[in-house]
Amino acid sequence: MLECFPQADIFTIVDFLEDRSFLKNRQAYTSFIQKLPFARARYMNYLALMPLAIEQFDLLAYDLVLSSSRAFAKGVLVGPDQLHVSYVHSSLRHAREFQHPNLKKSRFASGLKSVFVRMLLHYMRAWDARSANGVDHLIANSRYSSRRIQQAYQRDSTVIYPPVDVSGLSVGIHKQDFYVTASNMVPHKRIDLIVKAFSRTPERRLVVIGDGSDMASIKAAAGPNVEILGYQPFDVLHDHLQRARAFVFAAEEDFDISIVEAQACGTPVIAFGKGGALESIIGLPDERPTGVFFREQTIESLICAVDTFEQHSDRFNSTFCRENAERFSAGNFKAALCTFVEVRLASFRSEAALSSTQPPSVRARLQWRRPS
């Protein structure tokens, strides 16, 4: 986004980044949460304050506001003479369709704490829906995410897939006999499912890269054929993506960049067949497949998918994977985003100029829209 609009100022709830290269070493304006106790290590503890925090930014000096919103950024306050375009990564799904499974996993399904958490989630859902009304144009990161946006906000959105640094990844020529998965080890990523499935098939080797809250339980479930490397720098991940037989992915995500990165390295993907994965992977029986889907988040379904992959391994080609990944390049993203914003901004300025030159009665007619 900054490469599209290099002069833009940056606002964010918190900023504790050490590597600032992708921000061109610029500083961001942060909210009051930045200075609260333990914010660096535990800023998510201040979740309930984030709607308030994002609304405190004074953005009235800007004619264009472009937000990149996982949950809160789209809630910034703007006026009628400003254009707000929001790139929405998710419609606060953990407080909507994932509420009940998340409460069970967190052991908040009952009791006094459960009442408090449910009230907080209710408040978050209400704020999330209301804040979407302040956005002029919504961009979704996948068709799946666009359907979530329609359900949650009753708003249409335009799909622009996220940028993946395909040019910084190279295809691995020599594949080795192991599978790889990489992710933050948190419950919804379902690394536990992958580890348990491969532990049941000891003839297959699995390498796990990543760290997180589920590390201890995942280590406990791992068989001797599962190697857990923990957090690794990107060059180690890149090396494993190049050499692996396939990348394994078990989460339901709106869009996941690691899936595309694996294909950019010429590696096919075995993925849960729901969410954005259906848009970034070409599955069997296509003539140029780049992966295999499993339909249920179960050990048996995943093992069956690996079996299918091995039975049809001669149909997967590194060239197919790389060409599919090229669809999600950073260049394609920048071209689509810049065009989208520039067209809407030009139209917005034109309408504003036309409205300001008309008498009040004419302006009222120009602004009226027939109800759909």
Protein backbone atom coordinates (compact mmCIF):
# COMPACT_ATOMS: atom_id res chain seq x y z
CA MET A 1 0.00 0.00 0.00
CA LEU A 2 2.84 2.38 0.81
CA GLU A 3 4.40 1.67 -2.56
CA CYS A 4 1.12 2.77 -4.16
CA PHE A 5 0.86 5.86 -1.93
CA PRO A 6 4.40 6.61 -0.70
CA GLN A 7 3.52 9.99 0.86
CA ALA A 8 0.81 8.57 3.12
CA ASP A 9 1.05 8.92 6.89
CA ILE A 10 0.70 5.73 8.94
CA PHE A 11 -1.62 5.23 11.91
CA THR A 12 -1.82 2.04 13.95
CA ILE A 13 -3.04 0.92 17.36
CA VAL A 14 0.40 -0.30 18.44
CA ASP A 15 3.83 -0.39 16.80
CA PHE A 16 6.57 -2.53 18.32
CA LEU A 17 8.25 -3.54 15.07
CA GLU A 18 12.01 -3.98 15.06
CA ASP A 19 12.42 -4.66 11.35
CA ARG A 20 10.99 -1.51 9.77
CA SER A 21 12.23 -2.10 6.23
CA PHE A 22 8.79 -2.69 4.74
CA LEU A 23 7.64 0.60 6.30
CA LYS A 24 10.59 2.32 4.63
CA ASN A 25 11.97 2.91 8.16
CA ARG A 26 9.15 5.34 8.90
CA GLN A 27 7.45 5.88 12.23
CA ALA A 28 3.75 5.40 12.74
CA TYR A 29 1.29 7.42 14.81
CA THR A 30 0.11 5.08 17.58
CA SER A 31 -2.86 5.00 19.96
CA PHE A 32 -2.87 5.36 23.76
CA ILE A 33 -2.62 1.55 24.04
CA GLN A 34 1.01 1.85 22.96
CA LYS A 35 1.86 3.34 26.38
CA LEU A 36 -0.23 1.05 28.59
CA PRO A 37 1.52 -1.42 30.94
CA PHE A 38 2.82 -4.61 29.30
CA ALA A 39 1.48 -3.53 25.90
CA ARG A 40 4.58 -4.75 24.06
CA ALA A 41 4.16 -8.36 25.16
CA ARG A 42 0.42 -8.51 25.78
CA TYR A 43 -1.30 -5.89 23.66
CA MET A 44 -4.13 -8.34 22.88
CA ASN A 45 -5.16 -8.08 26.53
CA TYR A 46 -6.42 -4.61 25.60
CA LEU A 47 -8.79 -5.95 22.94
CA ALA A 48 -11.85 -4.31 24.52
CA LEU A 49 -10.15 -0.89 24.28
CA MET A 50 -9.21 -1.14 20.61
CA PRO A 51 -12.50 0.20 19.17
CA LEU A 52 -12.09 3.26 21.40
CA ALA A 53 -8.41 3.56 20.49
CA ILE A 54 -8.94 3.53 16.72
CA GLU A 55 -11.62 6.22 17.01
CA GLN A 56 -9.22 8.67 18.69
CA PHE A 57 -7.13 9.33 15.58
CA ASP A 58 -7.80 12.77 14.11
CA LEU A 59 -7.77 12.20 10.33
CA LEU A 60 -9.79 15.21 9.19
CA ALA A 61 -6.79 16.71 7.37
CA TYR A 62 -6.76 13.88 4.79
CA ASP A 63 -8.92 13.64 1.68
CA LEU A 64 -8.22 9.89 1.31
CA VAL A 65 -8.14 7.34 4.13
CA LEU A 66 -6.97 3.84 3.20
CA SER A 67 -7.29 1.29 5.99
CA SER A 68 -5.92 -2.24 6.18
CA SER A 69 -8.30 -3.86 8.62
CA ARG A 70 -8.10 -7.22 10.35
CA ALA A 71 -10.70 -6.09 12.88
CA PHE A 72 -10.46 -2.44 13.95
CA ALA A 73 -8.76 -0.17 11.39
CA LYS A 74 -11.93 0.33 9.36
CA GLY A 75 -13.47 1.99 12.44
CA VAL A 76 -11.52 5.25 12.08
CA LEU A 77 -13.73 8.33 12.08
CA VAL A 78 -14.00 10.29 8.83
CA GLY A 79 -16.18 13.10 7.51
CA PRO A 80 -18.42 13.45 4.42
CA ASP A 81 -15.65 15.22 2.48
CA GLN A 82 -13.24 12.31 2.89
CA LEU A 83 -13.07 9.07 0.94
CA HIS A 84 -12.50 5.96 3.06
CA VAL A 85 -11.44 2.75 1.30
CA SER A 86 -10.92 -0.27 3.56
CA TYR A 87 -9.05 -3.45 2.68
CA VAL A 88 -10.75 -5.98 4.96
CA HIS A 89 -8.81 -9.14 5.84
CA SER A 90 -11.57 -10.64 7.98
CA SER A 91 -15.00 -9.67 9.29
CA LEU A 92 -14.19 -10.39 12.96
CA ARG A 93 -15.04 -14.05 12.36
CA HIS A 94 -13.73 -15.18 15.76
CA ALA A 95 -16.56 -13.22 17.36
CA ARG A 96 -19.13 -14.54 14.91
CA GLU A 97 -19.25 -18.07 13.48
CA PHE A 98 -16.22 -19.20 15.49
CA GLN A 99 -17.53 -17.90 18.84
CA HIS A 100 -18.81 -21.21 20.19
CA PRO A 101 -15.82 -23.42 19.24
CA ASN A 102 -13.44 -20.73 20.49
CA LEU A 103 -15.22 -20.54 23.85
CA LYS A 104 -14.97 -24.31 24.21
CA LYS A 105 -11.27 -24.39 23.31
CA SER A 106 -10.56 -21.53 25.73
CA ARG A 107 -12.64 -23.18 28.48
CA PHE A 108 -14.99 -20.21 28.63
CA ALA A 109 -18.11 -22.14 27.59
CA SER A 110 -19.67 -21.81 31.04
CA GLY A 111 -19.27 -19.97 34.32
CA LEU A 112 -18.95 -16.34 35.32
CA LYS A 113 -16.00 -15.69 33.02
CA SER A 114 -18.04 -17.04 30.12
CA VAL A 115 -20.75 -14.43 30.78
CA PHE A 116 -18.17 -11.64 30.68
CA VAL A 117 -16.51 -12.95 27.51
CA ARG A 118 -19.86 -13.41 25.74
CA MET A 119 -20.86 -9.83 26.61
CA LEU A 120 -17.52 -8.58 25.26
CA LEU A 121 -17.98 -10.51 22.00
CA HIS A 122 -21.52 -9.15 21.66
CA TYR A 123 -20.19 -5.62 22.05
CA MET A 124 -17.42 -6.32 19.51
CA ARG A 125 -19.89 -7.66 16.93
CA ALA A 126 -22.16 -4.64 17.30
CA TRP A 127 -19.26 -2.20 16.97
CA ASP A 128 -17.81 -4.14 14.02
CA ALA A 129 -21.07 -3.99 12.06
CA ARG A 130 -21.66 -0.32 12.90
CA SER A 131 -18.12 0.73 11.96
CA ALA A 132 -18.48 -0.81 8.49
CA ASN A 133 -21.12 1.84 7.71
CA GLY A 134 -18.43 4.52 7.83
CA VAL A 135 -16.51 3.01 4.90
CA ASP A 136 -17.20 4.21 1.36
CA HIS A 137 -15.69 1.22 -0.46
CA LEU A 138 -14.79 -2.23 0.87
CA ILE A 139 -12.10 -4.45 -0.61
CA ALA A 140 -12.01 -8.15 0.29
CA ASN A 141 -8.91 -10.35 0.20
CA SER A 142 -10.80 -13.29 -1.36
CA ARG A 143 -14.22 -14.26 -2.68
CA TYR A 144 -14.71 -16.21 0.54
CA SER A 145 -13.97 -13.10 2.57
CA SER A 146 -16.32 -11.12 0.33
CA ARG A 147 -19.16 -13.49 1.24
CA ARG A 148 -18.36 -12.99 4.93
CA ILE A 149 -18.51 -9.22 4.42
CA GLN A 150 -21.89 -9.48 2.70
CA GLN A 151 -23.25 -11.61 5.53
CA ALA A 152 -21.85 -9.46 8.35
CA TYR A 153 -22.34 -5.95 6.92
CA GLN A 154 -24.83 -6.38 4.05
CA ARG A 155 -22.27 -4.61 1.86
CA ASP A 156 -20.78 -5.47 -1.52
CA SER A 157 -17.01 -5.60 -1.83
CA THR A 158 -14.38 -5.88 -4.55
CA VAL A 159 -11.91 -8.77 -4.39
CA ILE A 160 -8.21 -7.94 -4.64
CA TYR A 161 -5.96 -10.81 -3.58
CA PRO A 162 -3.15 -9.98 -1.11
CA PRO A 163 0.41 -9.47 -2.37
CA VAL A 164 2.85 -12.36 -2.11
CA ASP A 165 6.58 -11.84 -2.65
CA VAL A 166 6.71 -14.40 -5.44
CA SER A 167 9.75 -12.76 -7.02
CA GLY A 168 11.72 -13.35 -3.81
CA LEU A 169 11.08 -17.10 -3.93
CA SER A 170 12.66 -19.64 -6.26
CA VAL A 171 11.53 -23.07 -7.42
CA GLY A 172 13.17 -26.09 -5.83
CA ILE A 173 14.36 -28.59 -8.42
CA HIS A 174 15.24 -31.54 -6.21
CA LYS A 175 12.37 -32.72 -4.03
CA GLN A 176 13.01 -34.87 -0.95
CA ASP A 177 10.83 -37.40 0.83
CA PHE A 178 9.27 -35.24 3.54
CA TYR A 179 6.24 -33.02 4.04
CA VAL A 180 6.31 -29.58 5.67
CA THR A 181 3.89 -27.29 7.46
CA ALA A 182 4.57 -23.83 8.86
CA SER A 183 2.36 -21.56 10.96
CA ASN A 184 1.81 -19.81 14.25
CA MET A 185 0.88 -22.57 16.66
CA VAL A 186 -2.52 -21.31 17.75
CA PRO A 187 -5.73 -23.37 17.93
CA HIS A 188 -7.46 -22.28 14.71
CA LYS A 189 -4.38 -23.13 12.59
CA ARG A 190 -4.94 -26.83 13.41
CA ILE A 191 -1.26 -27.81 13.46
CA ASP A 192 -2.31 -30.39 16.06
CA LEU A 193 -4.44 -32.13 13.43
CA ILE A 194 -1.55 -32.32 10.97
CA VAL A 195 0.89 -33.65 13.60
CA LYS A 196 -1.55 -36.31 14.81
CA ALA A 197 -2.33 -37.46 11.26
CA PHE A 198 1.34 -37.90 10.34
CA SER A 199 2.11 -39.52 13.69
CA ARG A 200 -0.40 -42.21 12.70
CA THR A 201 1.51 -42.87 9.48
CA PRO A 202 5.11 -43.36 10.69
CA GLU A 203 6.36 -44.21 7.21
CA ARG A 204 5.93 -40.52 6.30
CA ARG A 205 8.19 -37.74 7.58
CA LEU A 206 6.80 -34.32 8.60
CA VAL A 207 8.72 -31.13 9.40
CA VAL A 208 6.89 -28.50 11.47
CA ILE A 209 8.09 -24.87 11.51
CA GLY A 210 6.62 -22.27 13.87
CA ASP A 211 5.96 -21.45 17.49
CA GLY A 212 3.06 -20.37 19.64
CA SER A 213 0.70 -21.14 22.49
CA ASP A 214 0.04 -24.72 21.32
CA MET A 215 3.72 -25.71 21.14
CA ALA A 216 3.70 -27.90 24.26
CA SER A 217 0.61 -29.91 23.28
CA ILE A 218 1.84 -30.31 19.70
CA LYS A 219 5.20 -31.62 20.88
CA ALA A 220 3.41 -34.08 23.15
CA ALA A 221 1.34 -35.40 20.22
CA ALA A 222 4.28 -35.73 17.81
CA GLY A 223 5.58 -39.15 16.89
CA PRO A 224 9.23 -39.93 16.11
CA ASN A 225 8.61 -39.24 12.40
CA VAL A 226 7.59 -35.64 13.17
CA GLU A 227 10.39 -33.07 13.49
CA ILE A 228 9.41 -29.81 15.19
CA LEU A 229 11.90 -27.02 14.46
CA GLY A 230 10.11 -24.17 16.27
CA TYR A 231 10.53 -20.63 14.99
CA GLN A 232 12.98 -20.36 12.08
CA PRO A 233 14.19 -17.43 9.95
CA PHE A 234 12.67 -17.12 6.51
CA ASP A 235 15.67 -18.56 4.65
CA VAL A 236 15.21 -21.84 6.57
CA LEU A 237 11.50 -21.86 5.74
CA HIS A 238 12.28 -21.10 2.10
CA ASP A 239 14.75 -23.98 1.95
CA HIS A 240 12.21 -26.44 3.34
CA LEU A 241 9.46 -25.19 1.01
CA GLN A 242 11.77 -25.79 -1.94
CA ARG A 243 12.74 -29.32 -0.93
CA ALA A 244 9.47 -30.65 0.52
CA ARG A 245 7.31 -33.15 -1.29
CA ALA A 246 4.23 -31.09 -0.37
CA PHE A 247 3.08 -28.36 1.99
CA VAL A 248 0.28 -29.29 4.42
CA PHE A 249 -2.36 -26.79 5.55
CA ALA A 250 -5.35 -27.58 7.79
CA ALA A 251 -6.87 -24.19 8.75
CA GLU A 252 -9.95 -22.40 7.47
CA GLU A 253 -8.68 -18.99 6.40
CA ASP A 254 -10.01 -16.14 4.29
CA PHE A 255 -6.67 -16.19 2.48
CA ASP A 256 -3.31 -17.66 3.51
CA ILE A 257 -0.05 -16.41 2.05
CA SER A 258 1.97 -19.50 3.06
CA ILE A 259 -0.08 -21.60 0.62
CA VAL A 260 0.97 -19.34 -2.25
CA GLU A 261 4.59 -19.19 -1.04
CA ALA A 262 4.79 -22.98 -1.15
CA GLN A 263 3.50 -23.03 -4.74
CA ALA A 264 5.93 -20.27 -5.67
CA CYS A 265 8.67 -22.68 -4.59
CA GLY A 266 7.23 -25.29 -6.94
CA THR A 267 5.68 -27.31 -4.10
CA PRO A 268 2.08 -28.60 -4.25
CA VAL A 269 -0.26 -28.16 -1.28
CA ILE A 270 -2.48 -30.55 0.65
CA ALA A 271 -5.12 -28.29 2.21
CA PHE A 272 -8.45 -28.22 4.01
CA GLY A 273 -10.99 -27.59 1.27
CA LYS A 274 -12.72 -24.54 2.66
CA GLY A 275 -12.12 -20.81 2.61
CA GLY A 276 -9.56 -18.98 0.52
CA ALA A 277 -7.56 -22.17 -0.15
CA LEU A 278 -10.17 -23.08 -2.78
CA GLU A 279 -9.20 -19.91 -4.67
CA SER A 280 -5.40 -20.16 -4.41
CA ILE A 281 -4.99 -23.91 -5.13
CA ILE A 282 -5.97 -25.79 -8.28
CA GLY A 283 -7.12 -29.22 -7.17
CA LEU A 284 -7.62 -32.56 -8.83
CA PRO A 285 -9.02 -33.51 -11.34
CA ASP A 286 -7.82 -30.36 -13.15
CA GLU A 287 -5.32 -30.95 -15.93
CA ARG A 288 -2.75 -28.71 -14.22
CA PRO A 289 -3.29 -29.40 -10.50
CA THR A 290 -1.30 -27.68 -7.76
CA GLY A 291 -2.78 -29.47 -4.76
CA VAL A 292 -5.23 -31.84 -3.11
CA PHE A 293 -8.11 -30.93 -0.79
CA PHE A 294 -9.50 -32.80 2.21
CA ARG A 295 -13.13 -32.05 3.03
CA GLU A 296 -13.26 -32.51 6.81
CA GLN A 297 -10.94 -31.30 9.57
CA THR A 298 -10.32 -34.85 10.78
CA ILE A 299 -7.27 -37.07 10.98
CA GLU A 300 -8.86 -39.65 8.69
CA SER A 301 -9.75 -37.09 6.02
CA LEU A 302 -6.23 -35.65 5.99
CA ILE A 303 -4.59 -39.09 5.78
CA CYS A 304 -6.90 -39.94 2.86
CA ALA A 305 -5.83 -36.72 1.08
CA VAL A 306 -2.14 -37.56 1.52
CA ASP A 307 -2.83 -41.02 0.11
CA THR A 308 -4.55 -39.43 -2.89
CA PHE A 309 -1.63 -37.06 -3.39
CA GLU A 310 0.86 -39.91 -3.43
CA GLN A 311 -1.27 -41.98 -5.80
CA HIS A 312 -1.32 -39.08 -8.29
CA SER A 313 2.12 -37.63 -7.56
CA ASP A 314 3.14 -37.84 -11.23
CA ARG A 315 0.43 -35.29 -12.11
CA PHE A 316 1.93 -32.49 -10.01
CA ASN A 317 4.48 -30.27 -11.68
CA SER A 318 6.64 -27.50 -10.21
CA THR A 319 5.92 -25.34 -13.24
CA PHE A 320 2.16 -25.58 -12.68
CA CYS A 321 2.62 -24.54 -9.04
CA ARG A 322 4.83 -21.58 -9.88
CA GLU A 323 2.55 -20.29 -12.64
CA ASN A 324 -0.46 -20.45 -10.33
CA ALA A 325 1.43 -18.54 -7.61
CA GLU A 326 2.29 -15.76 -10.08
CA ARG A 327 -1.39 -14.72 -10.03
CA PHE A 328 -0.84 -13.36 -6.51
CA SER A 329 2.32 -11.35 -7.14
CA ALA A 330 2.95 -8.02 -5.45
CA GLY A 331 2.92 -6.35 -8.86
CA ASN A 332 -0.60 -7.56 -9.60
CA PHE A 333 -1.78 -6.41 -6.18
CA LYS A 334 -0.32 -2.91 -6.58
CA ALA A 335 -1.74 -2.48 -10.05
CA ALA A 336 -5.22 -3.54 -8.91
CA LEU A 337 -5.19 -1.47 -5.71
CA CYS A 338 -3.83 1.70 -7.30
CA THR A 339 -6.37 1.54 -10.12
CA PHE A 340 -9.25 0.85 -7.74
CA VAL A 341 -8.43 3.73 -5.40
CA GLU A 342 -7.55 6.25 -8.10
CA VAL A 343 -10.79 5.61 -10.01
CA ARG A 344 -12.92 5.95 -6.85
CA LEU A 345 -11.05 9.05 -5.71
CA ALA A 346 -11.46 10.74 -9.09
CA SER A 347 -15.18 9.95 -9.07
CA PHE A 348 -15.52 11.16 -5.48
CA ARG A 349 -13.80 14.48 -6.28
CA SER A 350 -15.88 14.93 -9.41
CA GLU A 351 -19.15 14.41 -7.55
CA ALA A 352 -18.03 16.72 -4.76
CA ALA A 353 -17.12 19.46 -7.24
CA LEU A 354 -20.42 19.07 -9.10
CA SER A 355 -22.42 19.14 -5.89
CA SER A 356 -20.71 22.30 -4.62
CA THR A 357 -21.64 24.24 -7.78
CA GLN A 358 -25.37 23.38 -7.67
CA PRO A 359 -28.16 25.12 -5.73
CA PRO A 360 -29.25 23.30 -2.54
CA SER A 361 -32.39 21.82 -4.17
CA VAL A 362 -30.35 20.35 -7.05
CA ARG A 363 -27.69 19.02 -4.67
CA ALA A 364 -30.39 17.18 -2.74
CA ARG A 365 -31.64 15.50 -5.94
CA LEU A 366 -28.10 14.57 -6.99
CA GLN A 367 -27.42 12.90 -3.63
CA TRP A 368 -30.69 10.96 -3.54
CA ARG A 369 -30.53 7.27 -4.50
CA ARG A 370 -33.46 5.03 -5.32
CA PRO A 371 -33.78 2.38 -2.55
CA SER A 372 -32.64 -1.06 -3.74
